[in-house]
PDB file of N, CA and C in Angstrom:
ATOM      1  N   UNK A   1     155.741  81.272 113.883  1.00  0.00           N
ATOM      2  CA  UNK A   1     155.953  82.172 112.770  1.00  0.00           C
ATOM      3  C   UNK A   1     154.905  83.286 112.746  1.00  0.00           C
ATOM      4  N   UNK A   2     153.626  82.930 112.718  1.00  0.00           N
ATOM      5  CA  UNK A   2     152.561  83.928 112.709  1.00  0.00           C
ATOM      6  C   UNK A   2     152.597  84.764 113.977  1.00  0.00           C
ATOM      7  N   UNK A   3     152.817  84.114 115.100  1.00  0.00           N
ATOM      8  CA  UNK A   3     152.836  84.870 116.362  1.00  0.00           C
ATOM      9  C   UNK A   3     153.993  85.862 116.390  1.00  0.00           C
ATOM     10  N   UNK A   4     155.109  85.511 115.795  1.00  0.00           N
ATOM     11  CA  UNK A   4     156.246  86.434 115.740  1.00  0.00           C
ATOM     12  C   UNK A   4     155.917  87.651 114.890  1.00  0.00           C
ATOM     13  N   UNK A   5     155.248  87.428 113.768  1.00  0.00           N
ATOM     14  CA  UNK A   5     154.875  88.542 112.904  1.00  0.00           C
ATOM     15  C   UNK A   5     153.843  89.438 113.581  1.00  0.00           C
ATOM     16  N   UNK A   6     152.922  88.821 114.288  1.00  0.00           N
ATOM     17  CA  UNK A   6     151.927  89.611 115.026  1.00  0.00           C
ATOM     18  C   UNK A   6     152.577  90.416 116.135  1.00  0.00           C
ATOM     19  N   UNK A   7     153.583  89.855 116.764  1.00  0.00           N
ATOM     20  CA  UNK A   7     154.313  90.586 117.801  1.00  0.00           C
ATOM     21  C   UNK A   7     155.023  91.800 117.190  1.00  0.00           C
ATOM     22  N   UNK A   8     155.603  91.622 116.000  1.00  0.00           N
ATOM     23  CA  UNK A   8     156.231  92.751 115.307  1.00  0.00           C
ATOM     24  C   UNK A   8     155.202  93.834 115.006  1.00  0.00           C
ATOM     25  N   UNK A   9     154.031  93.409 114.546  1.00  0.00           N
ATOM     26  CA  UNK A   9     152.963  94.373 114.259  1.00  0.00           C
ATOM     27  C   UNK A   9     152.563  95.106 115.523  1.00  0.00           C
ATOM     28  N   UNK A  10     152.449  94.387 116.643  1.00  0.00           N
ATOM     29  CA  UNK A  10     152.102  95.037 117.914  1.00  0.00           C
ATOM     30  C   UNK A  10     153.129  96.105 118.286  1.00  0.00           C
ATOM     31  N   UNK A  11     154.403  95.803 118.102  1.00  0.00           N
ATOM     32  CA  UNK A  11     155.452  96.772 118.414  1.00  0.00           C
ATOM     33  C   UNK A  11     155.380  97.979 117.476  1.00  0.00           C
ATOM     34  N   UNK A  12     155.147  97.720 116.198  1.00  0.00           N
ATOM     35  CA  UNK A  12     154.995  98.821 115.253  1.00  0.00           C
ATOM     36  C   UNK A  12     153.777  99.672 115.599  1.00  0.00           C
ATOM     37  N   UNK A  13     152.690  99.034 115.996  1.00  0.00           N
ATOM     38  CA  UNK A  13     151.485  99.775 116.368  1.00  0.00           C
ATOM     39  C   UNK A  13     151.739 100.708 117.542  1.00  0.00           C
ATOM     40  N   UNK A  14     152.537 100.262 118.504  1.00  0.00           N
ATOM     41  CA  UNK A  14     152.887 101.137 119.632  1.00  0.00           C
ATOM     42  C   UNK A  14     153.629 102.377 119.144  1.00  0.00           C
ATOM     43  N   UNK A  15     154.548 102.177 118.219  1.00  0.00           N
ATOM     44  CA  UNK A  15     155.307 103.304 117.675  1.00  0.00           C
ATOM     45  C   UNK A  15     154.405 104.235 116.874  1.00  0.00           C
ATOM     46  N   UNK A  16     153.519 103.651 116.086  1.00  0.00           N
ATOM     47  CA  UNK A  16     152.597 104.454 115.276  1.00  0.00           C
ATOM     48  C   UNK A  16     151.688 105.280 116.172  1.00  0.00           C
ATOM     49  N   UNK A  17     151.159 104.679 117.236  1.00  0.00           N
ATOM     50  CA  UNK A  17     150.285 105.415 118.152  1.00  0.00           C
ATOM     51  C   UNK A  17     151.037 106.576 118.788  1.00  0.00           C
ATOM     52  N   UNK A  18     152.271 106.353 119.196  1.00  0.00           N
ATOM     53  CA  UNK A  18     153.058 107.432 119.798  1.00  0.00           C
ATOM     54  C   UNK A  18     153.270 108.565 118.790  1.00  0.00           C
ATOM     55  N   UNK A  19     153.554 108.222 117.548  1.00  0.00           N
ATOM     56  CA  UNK A  19     153.741 109.245 116.518  1.00  0.00           C
ATOM     57  C   UNK A  19     152.434 109.966 116.203  1.00  0.00           C
ATOM     58  N   UNK A  20     151.330 109.236 116.197  1.00  0.00           N
ATOM     59  CA  UNK A  20     150.039 109.876 115.955  1.00  0.00           C
ATOM     60  C   UNK A  20     149.683 110.845 117.081  1.00  0.00           C
ATOM     61  N   UNK A  21     149.984 110.461 118.316  1.00  0.00           N
ATOM     62  CA  UNK A  21     149.739 111.379 119.427  1.00  0.00           C
ATOM     63  C   UNK A  21     150.589 112.634 119.287  1.00  0.00           C
ATOM     64  N   UNK A  22     151.833 112.459 118.905  1.00  0.00           N
ATOM     65  CA  UNK A  22     152.714 113.617 118.697  1.00  0.00           C
ATOM     66  C   UNK A  22     152.171 114.487 117.565  1.00  0.00           C
ATOM     67  N   UNK A  23     151.709 113.847 116.492  1.00  0.00           N
ATOM     68  CA  UNK A  23     151.151 114.594 115.364  1.00  0.00           C
ATOM     69  C   UNK A  23     149.913 115.365 115.794  1.00  0.00           C
ATOM     70  N   UNK A  24     149.045 114.752 116.594  1.00  0.00           N
ATOM     71  CA  UNK A  24     147.823 115.423 117.036  1.00  0.00           C
ATOM     72  C   UNK A  24     148.136 116.591 117.967  1.00  0.00           C
ATOM     73  N   UNK A  25     149.209 116.499 118.715  1.00  0.00           N
ATOM     74  CA  UNK A  25     149.640 117.628 119.538  1.00  0.00           C
ATOM     75  C   UNK A  25     149.997 118.810 118.640  1.00  0.00           C
ATOM     76  N   UNK A  26     150.684 118.539 117.553  1.00  0.00           N
ATOM     77  CA  UNK A  26     151.030 119.599 116.601  1.00  0.00           C
ATOM     78  C   UNK A  26     149.768 120.117 115.913  1.00  0.00           C
ATOM     79  N   UNK A  27     148.854 119.221 115.550  1.00  0.00           N
ATOM     80  CA  UNK A  27     147.581 119.623 114.936  1.00  0.00           C
ATOM     81  C   UNK A  27     146.817 120.558 115.861  1.00  0.00           C
ATOM     82  N   UNK A  28     146.843 120.276 117.150  1.00  0.00           N
ATOM     83  CA  UNK A  28     146.173 121.126 118.130  1.00  0.00           C
ATOM     84  C   UNK A  28     146.777 122.528 118.109  1.00  0.00           C
ATOM     85  N   UNK A  29     148.075 122.600 118.019  1.00  0.00           N
ATOM     86  CA  UNK A  29     148.752 123.898 117.958  1.00  0.00           C
ATOM     87  C   UNK A  29     148.413 124.616 116.648  1.00  0.00           C
ATOM     88  N   UNK A  30     148.382 123.864 115.557  1.00  0.00           N
ATOM     89  CA  UNK A  30     148.001 124.449 114.267  1.00  0.00           C
ATOM     90  C   UNK A  30     146.582 125.014 114.347  1.00  0.00           C
ATOM     91  N   UNK A  31     145.676 124.263 114.948  1.00  0.00           N
ATOM     92  CA  UNK A  31     144.285 124.725 115.095  1.00  0.00           C
ATOM     93  C   UNK A  31     144.229 126.027 115.882  1.00  0.00           C
ATOM     94  N   UNK A  32     145.032 126.111 116.945  1.00  0.00           N
ATOM     95  CA  UNK A  32     145.065 127.326 117.766  1.00  0.00           C
ATOM     96  C   UNK A  32     145.572 128.511 116.942  1.00  0.00           C
ATOM     97  N   UNK A  33     146.646 128.291 116.203  1.00  0.00           N
ATOM     98  CA  UNK A  33     147.225 129.364 115.387  1.00  0.00           C
ATOM     99  C   UNK A  33     146.229 129.814 114.321  1.00  0.00           C
ATOM    100  N   UNK A  34     145.573 128.854 113.679  1.00  0.00           N
ATOM    101  CA  UNK A  34     144.584 129.209 112.653  1.00  0.00           C
ATOM    102  C   UNK A  34     143.443 130.012 113.263  1.00  0.00           C
ATOM    103  N   UNK A  35     142.981 129.602 114.438  1.00  0.00           N
ATOM    104  CA  UNK A  35     141.878 130.313 115.088  1.00  0.00           C
ATOM    105  C   UNK A  35     142.301 131.734 115.456  1.00  0.00           C
ATOM    106  N   UNK A  36     143.491 131.879 116.024  1.00  0.00           N
ATOM    107  CA  UNK A  36     143.982 133.201 116.416  1.00  0.00           C
ATOM    108  C   UNK A  36     144.134 134.138 115.219  1.00  0.00           C
ATOM    109  N   UNK A  37     144.454 133.570 114.073  1.00  0.00           N
ATOM    110  CA  UNK A  37     144.698 134.375 112.880  1.00  0.00           C
ATOM    111  C   UNK A  37     143.537 134.332 111.898  1.00  0.00           C
ATOM    112  N   UNK A  38     142.425 133.780 112.354  1.00  0.00           N
ATOM    113  CA  UNK A  38     141.207 133.680 111.550  1.00  0.00           C
ATOM    114  C   UNK A  38     141.479 133.064 110.180  1.00  0.00           C
ATOM    115  N   UNK A  39     142.231 131.964 110.194  1.00  0.00           N
ATOM    116  CA  UNK A  39     142.546 131.234 108.975  1.00  0.00           C
ATOM    117  C   UNK A  39     141.617 130.040 108.836  1.00  0.00           C
ATOM    118  N   UNK A  40     141.332 129.669 107.609  1.00  0.00           N
ATOM    119  CA  UNK A  40     140.462 128.518 107.348  1.00  0.00           C
ATOM    120  C   UNK A  40     141.158 127.221 107.754  1.00  0.00           C
ATOM    121  N   UNK A  41     140.356 126.265 108.200  1.00  0.00           N
ATOM    122  CA  UNK A  41     140.893 124.948 108.541  1.00  0.00           C
ATOM    123  C   UNK A  41     141.414 124.268 107.277  1.00  0.00           C
ATOM    124  N   UNK A  42     140.630 124.314 106.229  1.00  0.00           N
ATOM    125  CA  UNK A  42     140.998 123.636 104.991  1.00  0.00           C
ATOM    126  C   UNK A  42     142.012 124.440 104.198  1.00  0.00           C
ATOM    127  N   UNK A  43     143.098 123.786 103.844  1.00  0.00           N
ATOM    128  CA  UNK A  43     144.106 124.363 102.953  1.00  0.00           C
ATOM    129  C   UNK A  43     144.356 123.314 101.873  1.00  0.00           C
ATOM    130  N   UNK A  44     143.549 123.370 100.836  1.00  0.00           N
ATOM    131  CA  UNK A  44     143.592 122.364  99.785  1.00  0.00           C
ATOM    132  C   UNK A  44     144.953 122.217  99.139  1.00  0.00           C
ATOM    133  N   UNK A  45     145.634 123.329  98.928  1.00  0.00           N
ATOM    134  CA  UNK A  45     146.968 123.258  98.307  1.00  0.00           C
ATOM    135  C   UNK A  45     147.946 122.547  99.225  1.00  0.00           C
ATOM    136  N   UNK A  46     147.853 122.798 100.510  1.00  0.00           N
ATOM    137  CA  UNK A  46     148.733 122.117 101.482  1.00  0.00           C
ATOM    138  C   UNK A  46     148.502 120.612 101.415  1.00  0.00           C
ATOM    139  N   UNK A  47     147.241 120.199 101.296  1.00  0.00           N
ATOM    140  CA  UNK A  47     146.946 118.769 101.218  1.00  0.00           C
ATOM    141  C   UNK A  47     147.546 118.145  99.965  1.00  0.00           C
ATOM    142  N   UNK A  48     147.428 118.833  98.842  1.00  0.00           N
ATOM    143  CA  UNK A  48     147.994 118.321  97.594  1.00  0.00           C
ATOM    144  C   UNK A  48     149.504 118.129  97.740  1.00  0.00           C
ATOM    145  N   UNK A  49     150.166 119.127  98.295  1.00  0.00           N
ATOM    146  CA  UNK A  49     151.617 119.072  98.484  1.00  0.00           C
ATOM    147  C   UNK A  49     151.982 117.936  99.443  1.00  0.00           C
ATOM    148  N   UNK A  50     151.257 117.824 100.544  1.00  0.00           N
ATOM    149  CA  UNK A  50     151.542 116.790 101.526  1.00  0.00           C
ATOM    150  C   UNK A  50     151.388 115.393 100.931  1.00  0.00           C
ATOM    151  N   UNK A  51     150.288 115.161 100.216  1.00  0.00           N
ATOM    152  CA  UNK A  51     150.068 113.844  99.630  1.00  0.00           C
ATOM    153  C   UNK A  51     151.121 113.525  98.568  1.00  0.00           C
ATOM    154  N   UNK A  52     151.574 114.541  97.862  1.00  0.00           N
ATOM    155  CA  UNK A  52     152.648 114.333  96.890  1.00  0.00           C
ATOM    156  C   UNK A  52     153.944 113.938  97.602  1.00  0.00           C
ATOM    157  N   UNK A  53     154.235 114.599  98.719  1.00  0.00           N
ATOM    158  CA  UNK A  53     155.422 114.248  99.503  1.00  0.00           C
ATOM    159  C   UNK A  53     155.330 112.805  99.985  1.00  0.00           C
ATOM    160  N   UNK A  54     154.152 112.438 100.489  1.00  0.00           N
ATOM    161  CA  UNK A  54     153.956 111.079 100.996  1.00  0.00           C
ATOM    162  C   UNK A  54     154.231 110.064  99.884  1.00  0.00           C
ATOM    163  N   UNK A  55     153.716 110.334  98.693  1.00  0.00           N
ATOM    164  CA  UNK A  55     153.970 109.430  97.559  1.00  0.00           C
ATOM    165  C   UNK A  55     155.475 109.240  97.328  1.00  0.00           C
ATOM    166  N   UNK A  56     156.231 110.309  97.488  1.00  0.00           N
ATOM    167  CA  UNK A  56     157.673 110.211  97.279  1.00  0.00           C
ATOM    168  C   UNK A  56     158.397 109.524  98.441  1.00  0.00           C
ATOM    169  N   UNK A  57     157.805 109.564  99.625  1.00  0.00           N
ATOM    170  CA  UNK A  57     158.421 108.909 100.780  1.00  0.00           C
ATOM    171  C   UNK A  57     158.308 107.392 100.689  1.00  0.00           C
ATOM    172  N   UNK A  58     157.253 106.908 100.028  1.00  0.00           N
ATOM    173  CA  UNK A  58     157.007 105.466  99.955  1.00  0.00           C
ATOM    174  C   UNK A  58     158.083 104.814  99.084  1.00  0.00           C
ATOM    175  N   UNK A  59     158.715 103.796  99.634  1.00  0.00           N
ATOM    176  CA  UNK A  59     159.788 103.112  98.911  1.00  0.00           C
ATOM    177  C   UNK A  59     159.257 101.931  98.089  1.00  0.00           C
ATOM    178  N   UNK A  60     158.238 101.260  98.594  1.00  0.00           N
ATOM    179  CA  UNK A  60     157.665 100.100  97.914  1.00  0.00           C
ATOM    180  C   UNK A  60     156.441 100.552  97.126  1.00  0.00           C
ATOM    181  N   UNK A  61     156.562 100.571  95.807  1.00  0.00           N
ATOM    182  CA  UNK A  61     155.501 101.089  94.946  1.00  0.00           C
ATOM    183  C   UNK A  61     154.157 100.404  95.180  1.00  0.00           C
ATOM    184  N   UNK A  62     154.179  99.133  95.505  1.00  0.00           N
ATOM    185  CA  UNK A  62     152.926  98.418  95.706  1.00  0.00           C
ATOM    186  C   UNK A  62     152.149  98.912  96.932  1.00  0.00           C
ATOM    187  N   UNK A  63     152.797  99.626  97.839  1.00  0.00           N
ATOM    188  CA  UNK A  63     152.143 100.149  99.039  1.00  0.00           C
ATOM    189  C   UNK A  63     151.664 101.591  98.871  1.00  0.00           C
ATOM    190  N   UNK A  64     152.081 102.234  97.795  1.00  0.00           N
ATOM    191  CA  UNK A  64     151.860 103.670  97.642  1.00  0.00           C
ATOM    192  C   UNK A  64     150.403 104.082  97.814  1.00  0.00           C
ATOM    193  N   UNK A  65     149.502 103.500  97.075  1.00  0.00           N
ATOM    194  CA  UNK A  65     148.099 103.921  97.147  1.00  0.00           C
ATOM    195  C   UNK A  65     147.507 103.679  98.532  1.00  0.00           C
ATOM    196  N   UNK A  66     147.860 102.574  99.152  1.00  0.00           N
ATOM    197  CA  UNK A  66     147.342 102.277 100.497  1.00  0.00           C
ATOM    198  C   UNK A  66     147.836 103.299 101.511  1.00  0.00           C
ATOM    199  N   UNK A  67     149.103 103.642 101.421  1.00  0.00           N
ATOM    200  CA  UNK A  67     149.664 104.603 102.365  1.00  0.00           C
ATOM    201  C   UNK A  67     149.098 105.992 102.116  1.00  0.00           C
ATOM    202  N   UNK A  68     148.934 106.377 100.874  1.00  0.00           N
ATOM    203  CA  UNK A  68     148.335 107.671 100.567  1.00  0.00           C
ATOM    204  C   UNK A  68     146.897 107.702 101.091  1.00  0.00           C
ATOM    205  N   UNK A  69     146.183 106.606 100.979  1.00  0.00           N
ATOM    206  CA  UNK A  69     144.810 106.545 101.494  1.00  0.00           C
ATOM    207  C   UNK A  69     144.778 106.723 103.019  1.00  0.00           C
ATOM    208  N   UNK A  70     145.744 106.145 103.694  1.00  0.00           N
ATOM    209  CA  UNK A  70     145.853 106.334 105.151  1.00  0.00           C
ATOM    210  C   UNK A  70     146.064 107.817 105.451  1.00  0.00           C
ATOM    211  N   UNK A  71     146.917 108.463 104.694  1.00  0.00           N
ATOM    212  CA  UNK A  71     147.161 109.891 104.907  1.00  0.00           C
ATOM    213  C   UNK A  71     145.929 110.733 104.597  1.00  0.00           C
ATOM    214  N   UNK A  72     145.193 110.362 103.574  1.00  0.00           N
ATOM    215  CA  UNK A  72     143.941 111.089 103.292  1.00  0.00           C
ATOM    216  C   UNK A  72     143.005 110.991 104.496  1.00  0.00           C
ATOM    217  N   UNK A  73     142.906 109.804 105.061  1.00  0.00           N
ATOM    218  CA  UNK A  73     142.059 109.619 106.245  1.00  0.00           C
ATOM    219  C   UNK A  73     142.584 110.457 107.409  1.00  0.00           C
ATOM    220  N   UNK A  74     143.902 110.482 107.599  1.00  0.00           N
ATOM    221  CA  UNK A  74     144.471 111.287 108.680  1.00  0.00           C
ATOM    222  C   UNK A  74     144.179 112.761 108.482  1.00  0.00           C
ATOM    223  N   UNK A  75     144.252 113.225 107.240  1.00  0.00           N
ATOM    224  CA  UNK A  75     143.957 114.634 106.969  1.00  0.00           C
ATOM    225  C   UNK A  75     142.499 114.951 107.270  1.00  0.00           C
ATOM    226  N   UNK A  76     141.610 114.060 106.925  1.00  0.00           N
ATOM    227  CA  UNK A  76     140.187 114.258 107.237  1.00  0.00           C
ATOM    228  C   UNK A  76     139.978 114.310 108.741  1.00  0.00           C
ATOM    229  N   UNK A  77     140.593 113.398 109.447  1.00  0.00           N
ATOM    230  CA  UNK A  77     140.476 113.371 110.912  1.00  0.00           C
ATOM    231  C   UNK A  77     141.068 114.650 111.499  1.00  0.00           C
ATOM    232  N   UNK A  78     142.196 115.082 110.977  1.00  0.00           N
ATOM    233  CA  UNK A  78     142.841 116.301 111.447  1.00  0.00           C
ATOM    234  C   UNK A  78     141.946 117.517 111.234  1.00  0.00           C
ATOM    235  N   UNK A  79     141.371 117.628 110.030  1.00  0.00           N
ATOM    236  CA  UNK A  79     140.473 118.759 109.756  1.00  0.00           C
ATOM    237  C   UNK A  79     139.271 118.729 110.680  1.00  0.00           C
ATOM    238  N   UNK A  80     138.678 117.551 110.860  1.00  0.00           N
ATOM    239  CA  UNK A  80     137.509 117.451 111.753  1.00  0.00           C
ATOM    240  C   UNK A  80     137.870 117.817 113.178  1.00  0.00           C
ATOM    241  N   UNK A  81     139.045 117.406 113.625  1.00  0.00           N
ATOM    242  CA  UNK A  81     139.506 117.739 114.965  1.00  0.00           C
ATOM    243  C   UNK A  81     139.692 119.256 115.094  1.00  0.00           C
ATOM    244  N   UNK A  82     140.300 119.877 114.084  1.00  0.00           N
ATOM    245  CA  UNK A  82     140.510 121.331 114.126  1.00  0.00           C
ATOM    246  C   UNK A  82     139.166 122.071 114.166  1.00  0.00           C
ATOM    247  N   UNK A  83     138.211 121.604 113.384  1.00  0.00           N
ATOM    248  CA  UNK A  83     136.886 122.225 113.395  1.00  0.00           C
ATOM    249  C   UNK A  83     136.247 122.085 114.768  1.00  0.00           C
ATOM    250  N   UNK A  84     136.325 120.901 115.325  1.00  0.00           N
ATOM    251  CA  UNK A  84     135.756 120.651 116.653  1.00  0.00           C
ATOM    252  C   UNK A  84     136.456 121.504 117.707  1.00  0.00           C
ATOM    253  N   UNK A  85     137.768 121.570 117.619  1.00  0.00           N
ATOM    254  CA  UNK A  85     138.567 122.319 118.596  1.00  0.00           C
ATOM    255  C   UNK A  85     138.250 123.811 118.528  1.00  0.00           C
ATOM    256  N   UNK A  86     138.098 124.319 117.322  1.00  0.00           N
ATOM    257  CA  UNK A  86     137.840 125.749 117.131  1.00  0.00           C
ATOM    258  C   UNK A  86     136.371 126.109 117.201  1.00  0.00           C
ATOM    259  N   UNK A  87     135.528 125.118 117.357  1.00  0.00           N
ATOM    260  CA  UNK A  87     134.102 125.386 117.475  1.00  0.00           C
ATOM    261  C   UNK A  87     133.481 125.898 116.198  1.00  0.00           C
ATOM    262  N   UNK A  88     134.042 125.541 115.060  1.00  0.00           N
ATOM    263  CA  UNK A  88     133.509 125.994 113.775  1.00  0.00           C
ATOM    264  C   UNK A  88     133.096 124.803 112.937  1.00  0.00           C
TER     265      UNK A  88
END
């Protein structure tokens, strides 16, 4: 029973990693566009809108805060990556 659930988690983790890599590819492109157009990395309003969307995507209310927290962490990582990529 436990091993079956762990196997499911392993399969989900593979999918999540693939999606995160795809997301980071897009983040890299966003960083390039921002640098070319001399735009700031931080867009606070975009973050507010994104986190609100995420809250609405969550179907199980008990998971909402945890999932939003994961997205906050992803946004921080994304911003740090963009800063590192753009040398700013």
